[in-house]
C-alpha atoms as a PDB file:
ATOM      1  CA  MET A   1     145.725 208.486  39.126  1.00  0.00           C
ATOM      2  CA  LEU A   2     149.218 208.848  41.701  1.00  0.00           C
ATOM      3  CA  ARG A   3     152.853 207.835  40.650  1.00  0.00           C
ATOM      4  CA  GLN A   4     155.321 205.893  42.216  1.00  0.00           C
ATOM      5  CA  THR A   5     158.846 206.321  41.716  1.00  0.00           C
ATOM      6  CA  THR A   6     162.451 204.401  42.250  1.00  0.00           C
ATOM      7  CA  PHE A   7     164.703 204.946  45.449  1.00  0.00           C
ATOM      8  CA  GLY A   8     167.058 207.092  45.681  1.00  0.00           C
ATOM      9  CA  THR A   9     170.949 205.658  46.547  1.00  0.00           C
ATOM     10  CA  THR A  10     170.736 208.026  50.054  1.00  0.00           C
ATOM     11  CA  MET A  11     171.858 205.504  52.733  1.00  0.00           C
ATOM     12  CA  PHE A  12     171.277 206.315  56.620  1.00  0.00           C
ATOM     13  CA  ALA A  13     173.752 206.457  58.491  1.00  0.00           C
ATOM     14  CA  ALA A  14     172.096 208.316  61.555  1.00  0.00           C
ATOM     15  CA  PHE A  15     170.245 205.050  62.036  1.00  0.00           C
ATOM     16  CA  ALA A  16     172.064 203.199  65.001  1.00  0.00           C
ATOM     17  CA  LEU A  17     169.321 200.822  65.372  1.00  0.00           C
ATOM     18  CA  ALA A  18     167.342 198.592  62.189  1.00  0.00           C
ATOM     19  CA  ALA A  19     164.233 197.429  62.588  1.00  0.00           C
ATOM     20  CA  GLY A  20     162.894 193.863  61.282  1.00  0.00           C
ATOM     21  CA  THR A  21     160.386 192.372  59.089  1.00  0.00           C
ATOM     22  CA  ALA A  22     156.274 191.977  60.155  1.00  0.00           C
ATOM     23  CA  PHE A  23     155.762 188.666  61.257  1.00  0.00           C
ATOM     24  CA  ALA A  24     153.093 186.589  62.395  1.00  0.00           C
ATOM     25  CA  GLN A  25     151.976 185.084  65.662  1.00  0.00           C
ATOM     26  CA  ASP A  26     150.909 182.202  66.189  1.00  0.00           C
ATOM     27  CA  ASP A  27     147.369 183.052  66.107  1.00  0.00           C
ATOM     28  CA  GLY A  28     148.036 184.287  62.908  1.00  0.00           C
ATOM     29  CA  ALA A  29     148.514 187.728  64.444  1.00  0.00           C
ATOM     30  CA  GLU A  30     151.157 190.724  62.779  1.00  0.00           C
ATOM     31  CA  THR A  31     153.074 192.378  65.076  1.00  0.00           C
ATOM     32  CA  SER A  32     154.705 195.364  64.037  1.00  0.00           C
ATOM     33  CA  ALA A  33     158.244 195.684  62.402  1.00  0.00           C
ATOM     34  CA  LEU A  34     158.862 199.225  63.825  1.00  0.00           C
ATOM     35  CA  ASP A  35     162.519 200.193  64.131  1.00  0.00           C
ATOM     36  CA  SER A  36     163.016 200.075  68.558  1.00  0.00           C
ATOM     37  CA  GLN A  37     163.053 204.352  69.424  1.00  0.00           C
ATOM     38  CA  TYR A  38     159.156 203.603  68.347  1.00  0.00           C
ATOM     39  CA  THR A  39     156.536 202.280  70.176  1.00  0.00           C
ATOM     40  CA  ASP A  40     153.492 199.987  69.176  1.00  0.00           C
ATOM     41  CA  GLU A  41     151.430 199.696  72.824  1.00  0.00           C
ATOM     42  CA  ASN A  42     147.634 198.938  70.911  1.00  0.00           C
ATOM     43  CA  GLY A  43     148.619 196.762  67.799  1.00  0.00           C
ATOM     44  CA  ASP A  44     148.409 199.112  65.014  1.00  0.00           C
ATOM     45  CA  LEU A  45     151.570 198.189  63.249  1.00  0.00           C
ATOM     46  CA  VAL A  46     152.555 202.535  63.820  1.00  0.00           C
ATOM     47  CA  ALA A  47     154.330 204.059  65.677  1.00  0.00           C
ATOM     48  CA  ASP A  48     152.586 205.689  69.118  1.00  0.00           C
ATOM     49  CA  ALA A  49     152.623 209.250  70.088  1.00  0.00           C
ATOM     50  CA  PRO A  50     154.890 209.880  72.739  1.00  0.00           C
ATOM     51  CA  GLU A  51     153.507 209.098  76.248  1.00  0.00           C
ATOM     52  CA  ASP A  52     155.828 212.658  77.377  1.00  0.00           C
ATOM     53  CA  GLU A  53     153.794 215.654  76.472  1.00  0.00           C
ATOM     54  CA  SER A  54     157.340 217.641  76.172  1.00  0.00           C
ATOM     55  CA  GLU A  55     157.974 215.071  73.736  1.00  0.00           C
ATOM     56  CA  LEU A  56     155.253 216.076  71.147  1.00  0.00           C
ATOM     57  CA  ARG A  57     155.834 219.096  68.634  1.00  0.00           C
ATOM     58  CA  ASN A  58     153.597 221.270  67.107  1.00  0.00           C
ATOM     59  CA  PRO A  59     155.685 223.455  64.645  1.00  0.00           C
ATOM     60  CA  ASP A  60     154.969 226.908  63.653  1.00  0.00           C
ATOM     61  CA  THR A  61     155.765 225.782  59.818  1.00  0.00           C
ATOM     62  CA  LEU A  62     154.357 222.702  58.523  1.00  0.00           C
ATOM     63  CA  VAL A  63     156.619 221.277  55.482  1.00  0.00           C
ATOM     64  CA  PHE A  64     154.328 218.886  53.336  1.00  0.00           C
ATOM     65  CA  ALA A  65     156.151 216.530  50.847  1.00  0.00           C
ATOM     66  CA  TYR A  66     154.600 214.457  47.667  1.00  0.00           C
ATOM     67  CA  THR A  67     156.299 211.474  46.791  1.00  0.00           C
ATOM     68  CA  PRO A  68     158.986 212.079  44.371  1.00  0.00           C
ATOM     69  CA  VAL A  69     158.548 212.733  40.635  1.00  0.00           C
ATOM     70  CA  GLU A  70     160.111 213.984  37.385  1.00  0.00           C
ATOM     71  CA  ASP A  71     159.507 217.494  37.614  1.00  0.00           C
ATOM     72  CA  PRO A  72     158.561 219.117  40.980  1.00  0.00           C
ATOM     73  CA  ALA A  73     158.467 222.258  39.882  1.00  0.00           C
ATOM     74  CA  ILE A  74     155.244 221.184  38.314  1.00  0.00           C
ATOM     75  CA  TYR A  75     153.813 219.277  41.263  1.00  0.00           C
ATOM     76  CA  GLU A  76     154.188 222.188  43.897  1.00  0.00           C
ATOM     77  CA  ASP A  77     151.910 224.317  41.757  1.00  0.00           C
ATOM     78  CA  ILE A  78     150.024 221.464  41.321  1.00  0.00           C
ATOM     79  CA  TRP A  79     149.023 220.918  44.723  1.00  0.00           C
ATOM     80  CA  THR A  80     149.159 225.065  46.329  1.00  0.00           C
ATOM     81  CA  PRO A  81     145.569 224.675  46.250  1.00  0.00           C
ATOM     82  CA  PHE A  82     145.738 222.328  48.766  1.00  0.00           C
ATOM     83  CA  ILE A  83     148.468 223.967  51.054  1.00  0.00           C
ATOM     84  CA  GLU A  84     146.333 227.089  50.715  1.00  0.00           C
ATOM     85  CA  HIS A  85     143.803 225.035  52.462  1.00  0.00           C
ATOM     86  CA  LEU A  86     146.092 223.018  54.470  1.00  0.00           C
ATOM     87  CA  GLU A  87     147.107 226.678  55.882  1.00  0.00           C
ATOM     88  CA  ASP A  88     143.752 227.852  56.653  1.00  0.00           C
ATOM     89  CA  VAL A  89     142.854 225.019  58.456  1.00  0.00           C
ATOM     90  CA  THR A  90     146.204 224.871  60.630  1.00  0.00           C
ATOM     91  CA  GLU A  91     146.425 228.124  60.954  1.00  0.00           C
ATOM     92  CA  LYS A  92     149.860 227.773  60.216  1.00  0.00           C
ATOM     93  CA  ASP A  93     152.591 228.356  57.542  1.00  0.00           C
ATOM     94  CA  VAL A  94     152.766 225.410  55.007  1.00  0.00           C
ATOM     95  CA  GLN A  95     155.687 225.365  52.900  1.00  0.00           C
ATOM     96  CA  PHE A  96     156.080 222.336  50.211  1.00  0.00           C
ATOM     97  CA  PHE A  97     159.837 220.099  50.419  1.00  0.00           C
ATOM     98  CA  ALA A  98     160.410 218.789  46.616  1.00  0.00           C
ATOM     99  CA  VAL A  99     161.715 215.453  47.615  1.00  0.00           C
ATOM    100  CA  GLN A 100     164.200 213.635  45.101  1.00  0.00           C
ATOM    101  CA  SER A 101     164.102 210.487  46.057  1.00  0.00           C
ATOM    102  CA  ASN A 102     161.902 207.983  48.692  1.00  0.00           C
ATOM    103  CA  SER A 103     164.533 207.544  50.466  1.00  0.00           C
ATOM    104  CA  ALA A 104     165.855 210.773  51.096  1.00  0.00           C
ATOM    105  CA  GLU A 105     161.888 211.652  51.790  1.00  0.00           C
ATOM    106  CA  VAL A 106     161.901 208.720  54.423  1.00  0.00           C
ATOM    107  CA  GLU A 107     165.375 209.733  56.074  1.00  0.00           C
ATOM    108  CA  ALA A 108     163.408 213.750  56.002  1.00  0.00           C
ATOM    109  CA  MET A 109     160.503 212.418  58.278  1.00  0.00           C
ATOM    110  CA  ARG A 110     162.522 210.547  60.074  1.00  0.00           C
ATOM    111  CA  SER A 111     164.643 213.342  61.251  1.00  0.00           C
ATOM    112  CA  GLY A 112     161.863 215.854  62.668  1.00  0.00           C
ATOM    113  CA  ARG A 113     162.709 217.904  58.932  1.00  0.00           C
ATOM    114  CA  LEU A 114     159.012 216.848  57.071  1.00  0.00           C
ATOM    115  CA  HIS A 115     155.678 216.841  58.981  1.00  0.00           C
ATOM    116  CA  ILE A 116     153.113 215.702  56.566  1.00  0.00           C
ATOM    117  CA  ALA A 117     154.098 213.925  53.133  1.00  0.00           C
ATOM    118  CA  GLY A 118     152.376 211.644  50.895  1.00  0.00           C
ATOM    119  CA  PHE A 119     154.551 207.777  50.530  1.00  0.00           C
ATOM    120  CA  SER A 120     153.968 206.055  47.273  1.00  0.00           C
ATOM    121  CA  THR A 121     152.705 202.366  47.802  1.00  0.00           C
ATOM    122  CA  GLY A 122     156.233 200.648  48.156  1.00  0.00           C
ATOM    123  CA  PRO A 123     157.992 202.965  50.204  1.00  0.00           C
ATOM    124  CA  THR A 124     155.093 203.565  52.762  1.00  0.00           C
ATOM    125  CA  PRO A 125     155.790 200.306  55.319  1.00  0.00           C
ATOM    126  CA  PHE A 126     159.153 202.203  55.178  1.00  0.00           C
ATOM    127  CA  ALA A 127     158.068 205.287  56.494  1.00  0.00           C
ATOM    128  CA  VAL A 128     156.545 203.818  59.129  1.00  0.00           C
ATOM    129  CA  ASN A 129     158.880 201.542  60.442  1.00  0.00           C
ATOM    130  CA  LEU A 130     162.093 203.746  59.911  1.00  0.00           C
ATOM    131  CA  ALA A 131     160.518 206.873  60.251  1.00  0.00           C
ATOM    132  CA  GLY A 132     157.734 206.610  63.084  1.00  0.00           C
ATOM    133  CA  ALA A 133     154.811 207.907  59.514  1.00  0.00           C
ATOM    134  CA  VAL A 134     151.427 207.324  60.513  1.00  0.00           C
ATOM    135  CA  PRO A 135     149.351 207.032  57.417  1.00  0.00           C
ATOM    136  CA  PHE A 136     145.479 208.102  57.734  1.00  0.00           C
ATOM    137  CA  ALA A 137     144.228 208.899  54.103  1.00  0.00           C
ATOM    138  CA  ILE A 138     144.423 208.537  50.400  1.00  0.00           C
ATOM    139  CA  MET A 139     142.349 209.765  46.762  1.00  0.00           C
ATOM    140  CA  GLY A 140     140.100 207.929  45.913  1.00  0.00           C
ATOM    141  CA  ALA A 141     136.686 208.079  44.293  1.00  0.00           C
ATOM    142  CA  ASP A 142     132.998 209.261  46.013  1.00  0.00           C
ATOM    143  CA  ASP A 143     131.703 205.838  46.219  1.00  0.00           C
ATOM    144  CA  GLY A 144     134.810 205.232  48.271  1.00  0.00           C
ATOM    145  CA  ARG A 145     136.329 203.211  45.407  1.00  0.00           C
ATOM    146  CA  PHE A 146     140.494 203.859  45.223  1.00  0.00           C
ATOM    147  CA  GLY A 147     144.015 201.872  44.328  1.00  0.00           C
ATOM    148  CA  TYR A 148     145.998 201.093  41.094  1.00  0.00           C
ATOM    149  CA  THR A 149     146.605 198.054  39.258  1.00  0.00           C
ATOM    150  CA  LEU A 150     149.995 196.053  38.427  1.00  0.00           C
ATOM    151  CA  GLN A 151     149.393 195.982  34.452  1.00  0.00           C
ATOM    152  CA  LEU A 152     152.423 193.878  32.334  1.00  0.00           C
ATOM    153  CA  TYR A 153     152.545 195.544  28.809  1.00  0.00           C
ATOM    154  CA  THR A 154     154.085 195.221  25.256  1.00  0.00           C
ATOM    155  CA  GLN A 155     154.446 196.145  21.826  1.00  0.00           C
ATOM    156  CA  ALA A 156     150.879 195.570  20.120  1.00  0.00           C
ATOM    157  CA  ASP A 157     152.711 192.969  17.499  1.00  0.00           C
ATOM    158  CA  SER A 158     155.271 191.070  19.670  1.00  0.00           C
ATOM    159  CA  ASP A 159     154.282 187.527  20.383  1.00  0.00           C
ATOM    160  CA  ILE A 160     154.059 187.603  24.105  1.00  0.00           C
ATOM    161  CA  GLN A 161     150.460 185.900  25.203  1.00  0.00           C
ATOM    162  CA  ASP A 162     150.320 186.020  29.087  1.00  0.00           C
ATOM    163  CA  VAL A 163     153.379 185.739  31.533  1.00  0.00           C
ATOM    164  CA  SER A 164     154.515 182.821  30.383  1.00  0.00           C
ATOM    165  CA  ASP A 165     155.692 184.239  26.963  1.00  0.00           C
ATOM    166  CA  LEU A 166     157.724 186.060  29.083  1.00  0.00           C
ATOM    167  CA  ALA A 167     161.034 183.187  28.954  1.00  0.00           C
ATOM    168  CA  GLY A 168     163.632 184.773  27.381  1.00  0.00           C
ATOM    169  CA  LYS A 169     162.745 188.237  27.691  1.00  0.00           C
ATOM    170  CA  ARG A 170     164.197 191.388  28.229  1.00  0.00           C
ATOM    171  CA  VAL A 171     162.178 192.337  30.997  1.00  0.00           C
ATOM    172  CA  ALA A 172     162.058 196.552  32.662  1.00  0.00           C
ATOM    173  CA  HIS A 173     161.213 196.636  35.704  1.00  0.00           C
ATOM    174  CA  THR A 174     161.572 199.794  37.875  1.00  0.00           C
ATOM    175  CA  SER A 175     163.425 199.685  40.810  1.00  0.00           C
ATOM    176  CA  PRO A 176     164.456 196.656  43.811  1.00  0.00           C
ATOM    177  CA  THR A 177     161.332 197.980  46.247  1.00  0.00           C
ATOM    178  CA  SER A 178     158.690 199.464  43.989  1.00  0.00           C
ATOM    179  CA  ASN A 179     155.556 197.393  44.635  1.00  0.00           C
ATOM    180  CA  SER A 180     154.049 197.517  41.212  1.00  0.00           C
ATOM    181  CA  GLY A 181     156.945 197.696  39.337  1.00  0.00           C
ATOM    182  CA  ASN A 182     159.376 194.996  40.964  1.00  0.00           C
ATOM    183  CA  GLN A 183     157.815 193.469  44.350  1.00  0.00           C
ATOM    184  CA  ALA A 184     154.891 192.799  43.186  1.00  0.00           C
ATOM    185  CA  PRO A 185     156.106 190.700  39.619  1.00  0.00           C
ATOM    186  CA  ARG A 186     158.267 188.954  41.674  1.00  0.00           C
ATOM    187  CA  ALA A 187     155.403 187.670  44.119  1.00  0.00           C
ATOM    188  CA  LEU A 188     152.845 187.207  40.962  1.00  0.00           C
ATOM    189  CA  PHE A 189     154.773 186.222  38.852  1.00  0.00           C
ATOM    190  CA  PRO A 190     156.145 182.340  39.658  1.00  0.00           C
ATOM    191  CA  GLU A 191     152.468 180.919  39.917  1.00  0.00           C
ATOM    192  CA  MET A 192     152.016 182.044  36.397  1.00  0.00           C
ATOM    193  CA  GLY A 193     155.335 180.569  34.715  1.00  0.00           C
ATOM    194  CA  ALA A 194     157.967 182.529  34.180  1.00  0.00           C
ATOM    195  CA  VAL A 195     160.233 183.814  37.847  1.00  0.00           C
ATOM    196  CA  PRO A 196     161.567 187.270  37.416  1.00  0.00           C
ATOM    197  CA  GLY A 197     165.568 187.070  37.398  1.00  0.00           C
ATOM    198  CA  GLU A 198     165.898 183.501  35.734  1.00  0.00           C
ATOM    199  CA  ASP A 199     162.875 182.708  33.171  1.00  0.00           C
ATOM    200  CA  TYR A 200     163.641 185.928  32.282  1.00  0.00           C
ATOM    201  CA  GLU A 201     165.829 189.075  32.097  1.00  0.00           C
ATOM    202  CA  VAL A 202     165.648 191.974  34.341  1.00  0.00           C
ATOM    203  CA  THR A 203     166.577 195.472  33.613  1.00  0.00           C
ATOM    204  CA  TYR A 204     165.668 198.230  35.830  1.00  0.00           C
ATOM    205  CA  SER A 205     164.908 201.087  34.214  1.00  0.00           C
ATOM    206  CA  GLY A 206     164.875 203.240  36.950  1.00  0.00           C
ATOM    207  CA  SER A 207     160.991 204.857  36.613  1.00  0.00           C
ATOM    208  CA  HIS A 208     157.964 203.603  35.705  1.00  0.00           C
ATOM    209  CA  ASP A 209     157.993 205.851  32.811  1.00  0.00           C
ATOM    210  CA  GLN A 210     160.787 204.917  31.955  1.00  0.00           C
ATOM    211  CA  SER A 211     160.046 201.227  31.776  1.00  0.00           C
ATOM    212  CA  MET A 212     156.930 202.251  29.703  1.00  0.00           C
ATOM    213  CA  LEU A 213     158.825 204.654  26.709  1.00  0.00           C
ATOM    214  CA  GLY A 214     161.369 201.578  26.633  1.00  0.00           C
ATOM    215  CA  VAL A 215     158.167 198.882  25.701  1.00  0.00           C
ATOM    216  CA  VAL A 216     157.273 201.583  23.422  1.00  0.00           C
ATOM    217  CA  ALA A 217     160.966 202.310  21.705  1.00  0.00           C
ATOM    218  CA  GLY A 218     161.547 198.531  21.707  1.00  0.00           C
ATOM    219  CA  ASP A 219     164.160 198.772  24.520  1.00  0.00           C
ATOM    220  CA  TYR A 220     162.372 196.542  26.627  1.00  0.00           C
ATOM    221  CA  ASP A 221     160.423 193.317  25.766  1.00  0.00           C
ATOM    222  CA  ALA A 222     157.839 193.833  28.350  1.00  0.00           C
ATOM    223  CA  ALA A 223     157.145 195.684  31.330  1.00  0.00           C
ATOM    224  CA  PRO A 224     155.472 195.341  34.693  1.00  0.00           C
ATOM    225  CA  VAL A 225     154.190 199.484  35.455  1.00  0.00           C
ATOM    226  CA  ALA A 226     151.458 201.425  36.990  1.00  0.00           C
ATOM    227  CA  SER A 227     148.242 201.922  35.635  1.00  0.00           C
ATOM    228  CA  GLU A 228     148.003 205.544  36.684  1.00  0.00           C
ATOM    229  CA  VAL A 229     151.376 206.447  35.766  1.00  0.00           C
ATOM    230  CA  VAL A 230     150.553 205.181  32.348  1.00  0.00           C
ATOM    231  CA  GLU A 231     147.447 206.947  31.990  1.00  0.00           C
ATOM    232  CA  ARG A 232     148.765 209.754  32.994  1.00  0.00           C
ATOM    233  CA  MET A 233     151.492 209.672  30.136  1.00  0.00           C
ATOM    234  CA  ALA A 234     148.980 208.767  27.496  1.00  0.00           C
ATOM    235  CA  GLU A 235     146.360 211.920  28.433  1.00  0.00           C
ATOM    236  CA  ARG A 236     150.379 214.329  27.846  1.00  0.00           C
ATOM    237  CA  ASP A 237     150.744 212.156  25.014  1.00  0.00           C
ATOM    238  CA  LEU A 238     153.831 211.387  26.002  1.00  0.00           C
ATOM    239  CA  TYR A 239     153.451 207.717  23.451  1.00  0.00           C
ATOM    240  CA  ASP A 240     150.422 206.266  22.007  1.00  0.00           C
ATOM    241  CA  PRO A 241     148.261 203.594  23.337  1.00  0.00           C
ATOM    242  CA  GLU A 242     148.281 201.847  19.508  1.00  0.00           C
ATOM    243  CA  ASN A 243     151.901 200.609  19.973  1.00  0.00           C
ATOM    244  CA  VAL A 244     151.306 198.816  23.220  1.00  0.00           C
ATOM    245  CA  ARG A 245     149.180 195.564  24.724  1.00  0.00           C
ATOM    246  CA  ILE A 246     148.262 194.538  28.062  1.00  0.00           C
ATOM    247  CA  VAL A 247     149.345 191.409  29.245  1.00  0.00           C
ATOM    248  CA  TRP A 248     148.248 190.693  32.226  1.00  0.00           C
ATOM    249  CA  GLU A 249     146.141 193.322  34.971  1.00  0.00           C
ATOM    250  CA  SER A 250     146.364 192.118  38.880  1.00  0.00           C
ATOM    251  CA  ASP A 251     143.628 193.308  41.388  1.00  0.00           C
ATOM    252  CA  PRO A 252     143.823 196.833  42.559  1.00  0.00           C
ATOM    253  CA  PHE A 253     146.578 197.869  45.315  1.00  0.00           C
ATOM    254  CA  PRO A 254     146.316 200.804  47.268  1.00  0.00           C
ATOM    255  CA  THR A 255     147.722 204.213  45.943  1.00  0.00           C
ATOM    256  CA  THR A 256     150.073 206.873  47.620  1.00  0.00           C
ATOM    257  CA  SER A 257     149.178 206.957  51.514  1.00  0.00           C
ATOM    258  CA  TYR A 258     149.520 210.364  53.283  1.00  0.00           C
ATOM    259  CA  ALA A 259     150.789 210.500  56.232  1.00  0.00           C
ATOM    260  CA  TYR A 260     152.289 213.031  59.657  1.00  0.00           C
ATOM    261  CA  ALA A 261     154.595 212.172  62.281  1.00  0.00           C
ATOM    262  CA  HIS A 262     154.103 210.161  64.729  1.00  0.00           C
ATOM    263  CA  ASP A 263     155.049 212.920  67.082  1.00  0.00           C
ATOM    264  CA  LEU A 264     153.393 216.013  66.160  1.00  0.00           C
ATOM    265  CA  ALA A 265     150.781 216.901  68.758  1.00  0.00           C
ATOM    266  CA  PRO A 266     146.842 215.264  69.471  1.00  0.00           C
ATOM    267  CA  GLU A 267     145.564 218.597  68.486  1.00  0.00           C
ATOM    268  CA  LEU A 268     147.608 219.026  65.503  1.00  0.00           C
ATOM    269  CA  LYS A 269     147.044 215.744  64.056  1.00  0.00           C
ATOM    270  CA  GLU A 270     143.155 216.609  64.220  1.00  0.00           C
ATOM    271  CA  LYS A 271     143.935 219.568  62.223  1.00  0.00           C
ATOM    272  CA  ILE A 272     146.139 217.804  59.534  1.00  0.00           C
ATOM    273  CA  GLU A 273     143.509 215.663  59.484  1.00  0.00           C
ATOM    274  CA  GLU A 274     140.041 218.078  59.151  1.00  0.00           C
ATOM    275  CA  ALA A 275     142.170 219.909  56.054  1.00  0.00           C
ATOM    276  CA  PHE A 276     142.284 216.549  54.315  1.00  0.00           C
ATOM    277  CA  PHE A 277     139.282 215.148  54.414  1.00  0.00           C
ATOM    278  CA  SER A 278     137.761 218.795  53.924  1.00  0.00           C
ATOM    279  CA  PHE A 279     139.111 219.737  51.178  1.00  0.00           C
ATOM    280  CA  ASP A 280     137.246 219.884  48.024  1.00  0.00           C
ATOM    281  CA  PHE A 281     138.943 218.706  44.672  1.00  0.00           C
ATOM    282  CA  GLU A 282     136.782 219.961  41.800  1.00  0.00           C
ATOM    283  CA  GLY A 283     137.749 222.752  39.988  1.00  0.00           C
ATOM    284  CA  THR A 284     141.487 222.739  41.379  1.00  0.00           C
ATOM    285  CA  ALA A 285     144.933 222.136  39.512  1.00  0.00           C
ATOM    286  CA  LEU A 286     145.368 219.395  41.858  1.00  0.00           C
ATOM    287  CA  GLY A 287     142.000 217.886  40.786  1.00  0.00           C
ATOM    288  CA  GLU A 288     142.576 217.816  37.415  1.00  0.00           C
ATOM    289  CA  GLU A 289     145.802 216.901  37.914  1.00  0.00           C
ATOM    290  CA  PHE A 290     143.864 213.070  39.586  1.00  0.00           C
ATOM    291  CA  ALA A 291     141.413 212.219  37.786  1.00  0.00           C
ATOM    292  CA  GLY A 292     139.027 210.014  38.714  1.00  0.00           C
ATOM    293  CA  VAL A 293     139.656 211.441  42.172  1.00  0.00           C
ATOM    294  CA  SER A 294     137.218 213.780  43.909  1.00  0.00           C
ATOM    295  CA  LYS A 295     138.466 213.348  48.260  1.00  0.00           C
ATOM    296  CA  PHE A 296     140.668 212.006  51.132  1.00  0.00           C
ATOM    297  CA  ILE A 297     139.348 208.784  51.896  1.00  0.00           C
ATOM    298  CA  PRO A 298     140.350 207.488  55.323  1.00  0.00           C
ATOM    299  CA  ILE A 299     142.306 204.375  55.477  1.00  0.00           C
ATOM    300  CA  THR A 300     144.783 202.649  58.149  1.00  0.00           C
ATOM    301  CA  TYR A 301     148.057 201.230  57.271  1.00  0.00           C
ATOM    302  CA  LYS A 302     147.110 198.263  59.066  1.00  0.00           C
ATOM    303  CA  ASP A 303     143.627 197.105  56.950  1.00  0.00           C
ATOM    304  CA  GLN A 304     145.029 198.649  53.727  1.00  0.00           C
ATOM    305  CA  TRP A 305     148.603 197.861  53.267  1.00  0.00           C
ATOM    306  CA  LYS A 306     147.953 194.060  54.416  1.00  0.00           C
ATOM    307  CA  VAL A 307     148.187 193.283  50.519  1.00  0.00           C
ATOM    308  CA  ILE A 308     151.529 195.848  50.439  1.00  0.00           C
ATOM    309  CA  ARG A 309     153.149 193.449  54.028  1.00  0.00           C
ATOM    310  CA  GLN A 310     152.498 190.075  51.772  1.00  0.00           C
ATOM    311  CA  ILE A 311     153.922 190.982  48.776  1.00  0.00           C
ATOM    312  CA  GLN A 312     157.096 192.901  50.688  1.00  0.00           C
ATOM    313  CA  LYS A 313     157.459 189.829  52.848  1.00  0.00           C
ATOM    314  CA  ALA A 314     156.982 187.368  49.625  1.00  0.00           C
ATOM    315  CA  ASN A 315     160.115 189.484  48.233  1.00  0.00           C
ATOM    316  CA  GLY A 316     161.959 188.834  51.598  1.00  0.00           C
ATOM    317  CA  VAL A 317     161.915 193.018  52.396  1.00  0.00           C
ATOM    318  CA  GLU A 318     163.153 193.922  55.564  1.00  0.00           C
ATOM    319  CA  TYR A 319     162.289 197.234  56.655  1.00  0.00           C
ATOM    320  CA  THR A 320     165.800 198.358  57.206  1.00  0.00           C
ATOM    321  CA  PRO A 321     168.149 201.522  56.122  1.00  0.00           C
ATOM    322  CA  GLU A 322     169.868 198.879  53.730  1.00  0.00           C
ATOM    323  CA  GLY A 323     166.612 197.800  52.585  1.00  0.00           C
ATOM    324  CA  LEU A 324     164.906 201.316  51.481  1.00  0.00           C
ATOM    325  CA  ALA A 325     168.372 202.085  49.987  1.00  0.00           C
ATOM    326  CA  ALA A 326     168.580 199.107  48.138  1.00  0.00           C
ATOM    327  CA  GLU A 327     169.075 199.980  44.471  1.00  0.00           C
END
């Protein structure tokens, strides 16, 4: 169970050129939406490594970041066993970087200050297109399953029985660029009888945690949230599941992607992948924190993030600095 959090307001003034939204060719093949500083010769929708070997990086210290959370200090401790394993496999020092927003995390990789990172579901396409991130892994179970669902919650005694009952209600979305917290509802709810922002009032809470707590407190009539977050909150007794009710649930979406910078040396990329795919979650703080997860599973951005790109396209999302910084 992983977290998705709100985007910060950091603007990328350093970007001179913006990326466009991915689009389909006449034959249905999707083309990349990479910023013009990157290339995609093989059509896998992620940035190619530099052809000039002098531009490849093999730093002595690797910087690793996990998607922004409310208490980065706790997650630094949780990630310690993995970081130690990463150091052993790569034979390099690894520094945990506690990012404060998804915008800051993407900017850090774009500027070369971040080498490996976990990017939340919705921000992943921005990291790919604006920062040259190359997703290669995701947390999953032994049988290869992974993902989370979008759940629409309301109070247990609410008169909301289906999505169409949201009409006239006050509903908490997380942030504009959040997949399950905003983009998926805007893409999926209209066909179920409720157009966000038209049929019901949208209020941005800032995070899935705040959306859920707002429903519990009665500040919002309902909220679309990521299943993994509310499950985690229930485990920590942050709310009583008896006080809320699921109105609707989606099919699974991918969770946090783990990516490295496109310009790392090939042998270093291989070592990083080896570290991820050989890590044993059992008996570690990471394994205890992410219940139901036992290993990292290989993925590709082109395949596993296709549904996310479709949702973002339906919302008119453009992979630009302005789109990332939008609030």
